[in-house]
Amino acid sequence: MSFVEVKPSELVKKQYFFKMKSYSQVFSSLIFLQLLGIFFSVGPAGGSVSHDNYLEIDYSHYSANMVFLFTMIWAFISAVLITTKAYRYDDFVFVTNRVTSHLSNMLFLATISLIGGLCIYLSGICVKVIVAFFTDGRIVAPADSAADASSLFIGALAMVLYLLLVCGFGYLTGMAVQLNKRFIAILPALWLGFMYSNGTSKIGQFFQKCIHFYTHESSFMIFSIKMLFTIMLLFLLSILISNRMEVKS
């Protein structure tokens, strides 16, 4: 019999690296969705034509929003999948408990959010290069797009925080579904109700206020505090649901 005590930090570290190796398909799906998003982004998202007696300007707008959307969906699904039984039982290859399992999951989701966020930011540059190479027009950036190194860092970090927020929602959703399968029907119904209500219902107005709360903050410091607090709250609720699952079982 061995009386060697394993430190929780060592368990979290081993589980984290185990997940990084075992869940490598997450990154291959990210590459596929990013390429798909870039493919849809090289087409103009909008445009206009203006002219007078001597000059005509044909303006087309390009955006990497599709890359952002696909990556958000990827982050949400990845977070949900990691809560399923097949993935949760992988942790018991080690001598572990729920706390170390959740911590390693959070580190894994933080890592994929970091990678995904940086890829989103770089994909915008990729779209510009493709458009410049395959079109005859001249690329004109918006007046507010001139950025120094600090602005680029803030933009990339904001993408990472958005992805981590989506991972937090996905993780909470997955835990709720594991607790009660009825959430499989309830959560999509709420989302569809919001989409079709166009913000006219009370639930729709609530969702719109939440979206405005996180997307219309001018101060990056306050924005970061909002995001980090919400992310911590989402993961805390997930842990509480996980404990409820143990009691229920």
Protein backbone atom coordinates (compact mmCIF):
# COMPACT_ATOMS: atom_id res chain seq x y z
CA MET A 1 0.00 0.00 0.00
CA SER A 2 1.32 3.42 -0.94
CA PHE A 3 0.95 6.44 1.32
CA VAL A 4 2.41 8.91 -1.16
CA GLU A 5 0.30 12.06 -1.16
CA VAL A 6 -0.36 13.57 -4.57
CA LYS A 7 -0.65 17.34 -4.65
CA PRO A 8 -3.84 18.76 -6.21
CA SER A 9 -1.74 21.03 -8.42
CA GLU A 10 0.05 17.99 -9.86
CA LEU A 11 -3.28 16.29 -10.55
CA VAL A 12 -4.61 19.37 -12.33
CA LYS A 13 -1.41 19.60 -14.38
CA LYS A 14 -1.55 15.93 -15.42
CA GLN A 15 -5.24 16.11 -16.31
CA TYR A 16 -4.70 19.31 -18.28
CA PHE A 17 -1.92 17.87 -20.44
CA PHE A 18 -3.88 14.65 -20.83
CA LYS A 19 -6.82 16.62 -22.22
CA MET A 20 -4.62 18.69 -24.50
CA LYS A 21 -3.34 15.46 -26.06
CA SER A 22 -6.57 13.44 -26.00
CA TYR A 23 -8.87 16.19 -27.29
CA SER A 24 -6.67 17.21 -30.23
CA GLN A 25 -9.67 16.86 -32.57
CA VAL A 26 -10.93 20.11 -31.09
CA PHE A 27 -8.10 21.96 -32.81
CA SER A 28 -8.59 20.22 -36.15
CA SER A 29 -12.26 21.27 -36.09
CA LEU A 30 -11.14 24.82 -35.27
CA ILE A 31 -8.89 24.88 -38.34
CA PHE A 32 -11.71 23.62 -40.55
CA LEU A 33 -14.22 26.17 -39.26
CA GLN A 34 -11.71 29.01 -39.50
CA LEU A 35 -10.97 28.14 -43.13
CA LEU A 36 -14.70 27.89 -43.80
CA GLY A 37 -15.24 31.28 -42.21
CA ILE A 38 -12.44 32.83 -44.27
CA PHE A 39 -13.99 31.33 -47.42
CA PHE A 40 -17.32 33.05 -46.69
CA SER A 41 -15.57 36.27 -45.65
CA VAL A 42 -13.70 36.87 -48.91
CA GLY A 43 -17.01 37.80 -50.50
CA PRO A 44 -18.18 41.38 -49.88
CA ALA A 45 -20.49 41.76 -46.90
CA GLY A 46 -21.98 44.94 -48.32
CA GLY A 47 -21.21 47.92 -50.47
CA SER A 48 -22.45 50.99 -52.31
CA VAL A 49 -21.85 53.05 -55.40
CA SER A 50 -21.51 56.82 -55.47
CA HIS A 51 -20.81 59.02 -58.47
CA ASP A 52 -21.02 62.50 -59.87
CA ASN A 53 -20.37 63.92 -63.32
CA TYR A 54 -16.68 63.10 -63.26
CA LEU A 55 -16.10 60.27 -60.75
CA GLU A 56 -17.70 56.99 -59.79
CA ILE A 57 -16.72 55.03 -56.67
CA ASP A 58 -17.71 51.40 -56.16
CA TYR A 59 -17.31 50.56 -52.48
CA SER A 60 -17.40 46.99 -51.10
CA HIS A 61 -17.20 46.08 -47.42
CA TYR A 62 -15.35 42.96 -46.25
CA SER A 63 -15.52 41.51 -42.77
CA ALA A 64 -14.27 38.49 -40.83
CA ASN A 65 -17.50 38.28 -38.84
CA MET A 66 -18.23 34.80 -40.21
CA VAL A 67 -14.94 33.56 -38.75
CA PHE A 68 -15.93 35.05 -35.41
CA LEU A 69 -19.38 33.42 -35.58
CA PHE A 70 -18.05 29.97 -36.51
CA THR A 71 -15.42 30.14 -33.78
CA MET A 72 -18.03 31.11 -31.18
CA ILE A 73 -20.12 28.10 -32.18
CA TRP A 74 -17.00 25.91 -32.00
CA ALA A 75 -16.17 27.16 -28.50
CA PHE A 76 -19.71 26.55 -27.25
CA ILE A 77 -19.88 22.99 -28.64
CA SER A 78 -16.40 22.15 -27.32
CA ALA A 79 -17.40 23.28 -23.83
CA VAL A 80 -20.62 21.26 -23.95
CA LEU A 81 -18.85 18.11 -25.14
CA ILE A 82 -16.32 18.20 -22.31
CA THR A 83 -19.18 17.85 -19.80
CA THR A 84 -20.55 14.62 -21.30
CA LYS A 85 -20.07 11.32 -19.48
CA ALA A 86 -17.59 9.98 -22.01
CA TYR A 87 -15.27 12.94 -21.39
CA ARG A 88 -15.89 13.27 -17.65
CA TYR A 89 -15.04 9.64 -16.99
CA ASP A 90 -11.67 10.12 -18.69
CA ASP A 91 -10.59 12.06 -15.61
CA PHE A 92 -10.85 8.96 -13.46
CA VAL A 93 -7.82 7.51 -15.20
CA PHE A 94 -6.09 9.54 -12.49
CA VAL A 95 -6.64 9.64 -8.76
CA THR A 96 -8.87 12.69 -8.87
CA ASN A 97 -11.89 14.52 -7.53
CA ARG A 98 -14.44 16.93 -8.92
CA VAL A 99 -12.44 20.03 -8.00
CA THR A 100 -9.30 19.02 -9.91
CA SER A 101 -11.46 17.85 -12.81
CA HIS A 102 -13.21 21.22 -13.06
CA LEU A 103 -9.93 23.13 -12.74
CA SER A 104 -8.31 21.15 -15.53
CA ASN A 105 -11.42 21.69 -17.68
CA MET A 106 -11.24 25.43 -17.06
CA LEU A 107 -7.57 25.51 -18.02
CA PHE A 108 -8.33 23.54 -21.16
CA LEU A 109 -11.18 25.86 -22.14
CA ALA A 110 -9.02 28.90 -21.38
CA THR A 111 -6.32 27.48 -23.66
CA ILE A 112 -8.65 26.82 -26.59
CA SER A 113 -10.18 30.28 -26.08
CA LEU A 114 -6.72 31.82 -26.28
CA ILE A 115 -5.86 29.91 -29.44
CA GLY A 116 -9.27 30.57 -31.00
CA GLY A 117 -9.17 34.28 -30.15
CA LEU A 118 -5.75 34.75 -31.69
CA CYS A 119 -6.85 32.83 -34.79
CA ILE A 120 -9.88 35.10 -35.17
CA TYR A 121 -7.70 38.16 -35.04
CA LEU A 122 -5.18 36.76 -37.51
CA SER A 123 -7.98 35.66 -39.85
CA GLY A 124 -8.92 39.31 -40.34
CA ILE A 125 -5.43 39.93 -41.70
CA CYS A 126 -5.74 36.82 -43.86
CA VAL A 127 -9.00 38.10 -45.38
CA LYS A 128 -7.35 41.42 -46.21
CA VAL A 129 -4.45 39.67 -47.92
CA ILE A 130 -6.77 37.44 -49.99
CA VAL A 131 -8.97 40.38 -51.02
CA ALA A 132 -5.94 42.48 -51.94
CA PHE A 133 -4.50 39.63 -54.02
CA PHE A 134 -7.64 38.66 -55.93
CA THR A 135 -9.30 42.04 -56.48
CA ASP A 136 -8.25 45.03 -58.55
CA GLY A 137 -9.53 47.64 -56.15
CA ARG A 138 -7.68 49.51 -53.46
CA ILE A 139 -8.13 48.58 -49.81
CA VAL A 140 -9.17 51.53 -47.68
CA ALA A 141 -9.31 50.90 -43.94
CA PRO A 142 -11.79 52.80 -41.71
CA ALA A 143 -10.43 55.88 -40.00
CA ASP A 144 -10.63 54.26 -36.57
CA SER A 145 -8.80 51.09 -37.61
CA ALA A 146 -5.30 52.51 -37.32
CA ALA A 147 -3.93 50.70 -34.32
CA ASP A 148 -0.72 50.58 -32.38
CA ALA A 149 0.64 47.51 -30.60
CA SER A 150 -1.43 48.12 -27.46
CA SER A 151 -4.67 48.41 -29.46
CA LEU A 152 -3.90 45.18 -31.30
CA PHE A 153 -3.27 43.45 -27.97
CA ILE A 154 -6.54 44.78 -26.53
CA GLY A 155 -8.46 43.62 -29.59
CA ALA A 156 -6.99 40.13 -29.43
CA LEU A 157 -7.60 39.90 -25.68
CA ALA A 158 -11.23 40.97 -26.16
CA MET A 159 -11.70 38.11 -28.64
CA VAL A 160 -10.24 35.68 -26.10
CA LEU A 161 -12.56 36.93 -23.38
CA TYR A 162 -15.61 36.61 -25.64
CA LEU A 163 -14.68 33.02 -26.46
CA LEU A 164 -14.07 32.20 -22.81
CA LEU A 165 -17.49 33.67 -21.98
CA VAL A 166 -19.08 31.44 -24.61
CA CYS A 167 -17.15 28.47 -23.18
CA GLY A 168 -18.55 29.33 -19.77
CA PHE A 169 -22.10 29.32 -21.14
CA GLY A 170 -21.41 26.05 -22.95
CA TYR A 171 -19.95 24.46 -19.84
CA LEU A 172 -22.93 25.54 -17.74
CA THR A 173 -25.33 24.32 -20.43
CA GLY A 174 -23.62 20.95 -20.59
CA MET A 175 -23.75 20.51 -16.82
CA ALA A 176 -27.42 21.52 -16.74
CA VAL A 177 -28.23 18.95 -19.43
CA GLN A 178 -26.33 16.25 -17.53
CA LEU A 179 -28.35 17.09 -14.43
CA ASN A 180 -31.70 17.03 -16.23
CA LYS A 181 -32.23 16.00 -19.84
CA ARG A 182 -35.23 18.33 -20.08
CA PHE A 183 -32.82 21.19 -20.62
CA ILE A 184 -32.10 19.75 -24.09
CA ALA A 185 -35.56 20.98 -25.11
CA ILE A 186 -35.87 24.00 -22.79
CA LEU A 187 -32.69 25.85 -23.77
CA PRO A 188 -33.17 25.73 -27.57
CA ALA A 189 -36.82 26.75 -27.07
CA LEU A 190 -35.71 29.84 -25.14
CA TRP A 191 -33.20 30.74 -27.82
CA LEU A 192 -35.69 30.29 -30.66
CA GLY A 193 -38.23 32.33 -28.75
CA PHE A 194 -35.69 35.14 -28.46
CA MET A 195 -34.84 34.96 -32.16
CA TYR A 196 -38.45 35.06 -33.35
CA SER A 197 -39.61 37.67 -30.86
CA ASN A 198 -37.16 40.28 -32.27
CA GLY A 199 -36.72 41.61 -28.76
CA THR A 200 -40.40 42.47 -28.28
CA SER A 201 -41.07 39.96 -25.49
CA LYS A 202 -39.76 40.37 -21.95
CA ILE A 203 -37.29 37.53 -22.46
CA GLY A 204 -36.14 39.06 -25.74
CA GLN A 205 -35.67 42.47 -24.14
CA PHE A 206 -33.71 40.87 -21.30
CA PHE A 207 -31.37 39.14 -23.75
CA GLN A 208 -30.91 42.36 -25.70
CA LYS A 209 -29.97 44.22 -22.52
CA CYS A 210 -27.47 41.47 -21.65
CA ILE A 211 -25.89 41.64 -25.11
CA HIS A 212 -25.72 45.45 -24.91
CA PHE A 213 -24.17 45.17 -21.43
CA TYR A 214 -21.20 43.17 -22.77
CA THR A 215 -20.75 44.66 -26.24
CA HIS A 216 -21.17 48.42 -25.72
CA GLU A 217 -18.58 49.12 -23.05
CA SER A 218 -16.12 51.87 -23.97
CA SER A 219 -13.64 51.21 -21.15
CA PHE A 220 -11.58 48.07 -21.67
CA MET A 221 -10.85 47.83 -17.94
CA ILE A 222 -14.55 47.77 -17.03
CA PHE A 223 -15.22 45.43 -19.95
CA SER A 224 -12.60 42.99 -18.64
CA ILE A 225 -14.02 43.12 -15.11
CA LYS A 226 -17.52 42.41 -16.45
CA MET A 227 -16.32 39.50 -18.53
CA LEU A 228 -14.11 37.92 -15.88
CA PHE A 229 -16.77 38.23 -13.19
CA THR A 230 -19.39 36.63 -15.46
CA ILE A 231 -17.00 33.85 -16.52
CA MET A 232 -16.19 33.03 -12.90
CA LEU A 233 -19.90 33.03 -12.04
CA LEU A 234 -20.71 30.65 -14.90
CA PHE A 235 -18.03 28.18 -13.88
CA LEU A 236 -19.05 28.45 -10.22
CA LEU A 237 -22.65 27.60 -11.13
CA SER A 238 -21.35 24.68 -13.18
CA ILE A 239 -19.46 23.33 -10.16
CA LEU A 240 -22.54 23.67 -7.98
CA ILE A 241 -24.59 21.76 -10.56
CA SER A 242 -21.89 19.10 -10.67
CA ASN A 243 -22.10 18.70 -6.91
CA ARG A 244 -25.88 18.39 -7.25
CA MET A 245 -25.32 15.61 -9.77
CA GLU A 246 -23.26 13.69 -7.21
CA VAL A 247 -25.99 14.03 -4.60
CA LYS A 248 -28.61 12.98 -7.12
CA SER A 249 -26.61 9.92 -8.18
